[in-house]
Amino acid sequence: MLANKRNGTIYLGVTSDLAYRLHQHRNGAMPGFAREHGCRALVWSERHDNIQDARLREHRMKKWKRAWKLKLMEEANPQWHDLSSRIEH
């Protein structure tokens, strides 16, 4: 999940290369919702063994209420810190 600020807009997506995708979002190279709303801070992430599982999880989570997504994220990151420095490059 990316966010533009604490309690702000959140974006949920899936990728096979998180470090590269973060780079794209931060440099405005990815058109769409995240760029339009300035979602650049990585506030939550989850690893999956294969991309199909990740896409299934994303698809299900996109149907969730915002409160459910925030609860999941805030359990691991209550201060909405940018976690991008923890990502392997």
Protein backbone atom coordinates (compact mmCIF):
# COMPACT_ATOMS: atom_id res chain seq x y z
CA MET A 1 0.00 0.00 0.00
CA LEU A 2 1.17 3.46 -0.84
CA ALA A 3 -0.12 6.64 0.78
CA ASN A 4 0.19 10.33 0.13
CA LYS A 5 0.16 11.25 3.85
CA ARG A 6 -1.01 9.93 7.19
CA ASN A 7 -4.74 9.21 7.02
CA GLY A 8 -4.68 10.31 3.40
CA THR A 9 -5.28 8.55 0.14
CA ILE A 10 -4.09 4.96 -0.13
CA TYR A 11 -3.25 2.92 -3.19
CA LEU A 12 -3.14 -0.87 -3.33
CA GLY A 13 -1.24 -2.67 -6.07
CA VAL A 14 0.80 -5.73 -6.89
CA THR A 15 4.25 -6.13 -8.43
CA SER A 16 6.98 -8.72 -8.85
CA ASP A 17 9.67 -6.06 -8.18
CA LEU A 18 8.68 -3.73 -5.33
CA ALA A 19 11.89 -1.67 -5.32
CA TYR A 20 11.57 -0.92 -9.03
CA ARG A 21 7.85 -0.16 -8.79
CA LEU A 22 8.48 2.27 -5.90
CA HIS A 23 11.09 3.99 -8.04
CA GLN A 24 8.56 4.32 -10.87
CA HIS A 25 5.88 5.75 -8.59
CA ARG A 26 8.24 8.22 -6.95
CA ASN A 27 9.42 9.52 -10.30
CA GLY A 28 5.94 9.83 -11.75
CA ALA A 29 6.61 7.18 -14.39
CA MET A 30 3.45 5.22 -13.58
CA PRO A 31 0.33 6.98 -14.83
CA GLY A 32 -2.89 6.46 -12.95
CA PHE A 33 -4.40 6.72 -9.48
CA ALA A 34 -1.19 6.71 -7.41
CA ARG A 35 0.40 9.50 -9.46
CA GLU A 36 -2.80 11.57 -9.59
CA HIS A 37 -3.13 11.42 -5.79
CA GLY A 38 0.56 11.66 -4.89
CA CYS A 39 0.76 8.21 -3.26
CA ARG A 40 4.52 7.70 -2.88
CA ALA A 41 5.10 6.44 0.68
CA LEU A 42 5.15 2.68 1.16
CA VAL A 43 3.09 2.11 4.30
CA TRP A 44 2.42 -1.64 4.05
CA SER A 45 3.54 -4.60 1.98
CA GLU A 46 3.17 -8.34 1.95
CA ARG A 47 5.22 -11.03 0.20
CA HIS A 48 3.77 -13.96 -1.69
CA ASP A 49 5.45 -17.03 -3.12
CA ASN A 50 3.96 -16.43 -6.56
CA ILE A 51 2.37 -13.60 -8.48
CA GLN A 52 -0.95 -15.41 -8.84
CA ASP A 53 -1.39 -15.51 -5.07
CA ALA A 54 -0.44 -11.84 -4.85
CA ARG A 55 -2.97 -10.86 -7.52
CA LEU A 56 -5.70 -12.87 -5.81
CA ARG A 57 -4.95 -11.13 -2.50
CA GLU A 58 -4.95 -7.72 -4.20
CA HIS A 59 -8.25 -8.45 -5.95
CA ARG A 60 -9.87 -9.46 -2.65
CA MET A 61 -8.43 -6.52 -0.70
CA LYS A 62 -9.63 -4.00 -3.28
CA LYS A 63 -13.17 -5.09 -2.38
CA TRP A 64 -12.52 -4.40 1.31
CA LYS A 65 -13.79 -1.34 3.11
CA ARG A 66 -11.17 1.33 3.70
CA ALA A 67 -11.40 0.72 7.46
CA TRP A 68 -10.36 -2.91 7.01
CA LYS A 69 -7.32 -1.93 4.93
CA LEU A 70 -6.33 0.71 7.49
CA LYS A 71 -6.67 -1.77 10.35
CA LEU A 72 -4.38 -4.23 8.59
CA MET A 73 -1.81 -1.55 7.76
CA GLU A 74 -1.91 0.20 11.13
CA GLU A 75 -1.40 -3.04 13.05
CA ALA A 76 2.05 -3.22 11.44
CA ASN A 77 2.70 0.49 10.89
CA PRO A 78 0.62 2.66 13.28
CA GLN A 79 2.60 5.81 12.54
CA TRP A 80 2.31 5.46 8.74
CA HIS A 81 6.11 5.51 8.37
CA ASP A 82 7.50 5.19 4.86
CA LEU A 83 8.87 1.63 4.82
CA SER A 84 10.68 1.89 1.49
CA SER A 85 14.12 1.85 3.13
CA ARG A 86 13.40 -1.72 4.29
CA ILE A 87 12.93 -2.98 0.74
CA GLU A 88 15.77 -4.94 -0.84
CA HIS A 89 17.10 -3.21 -3.94
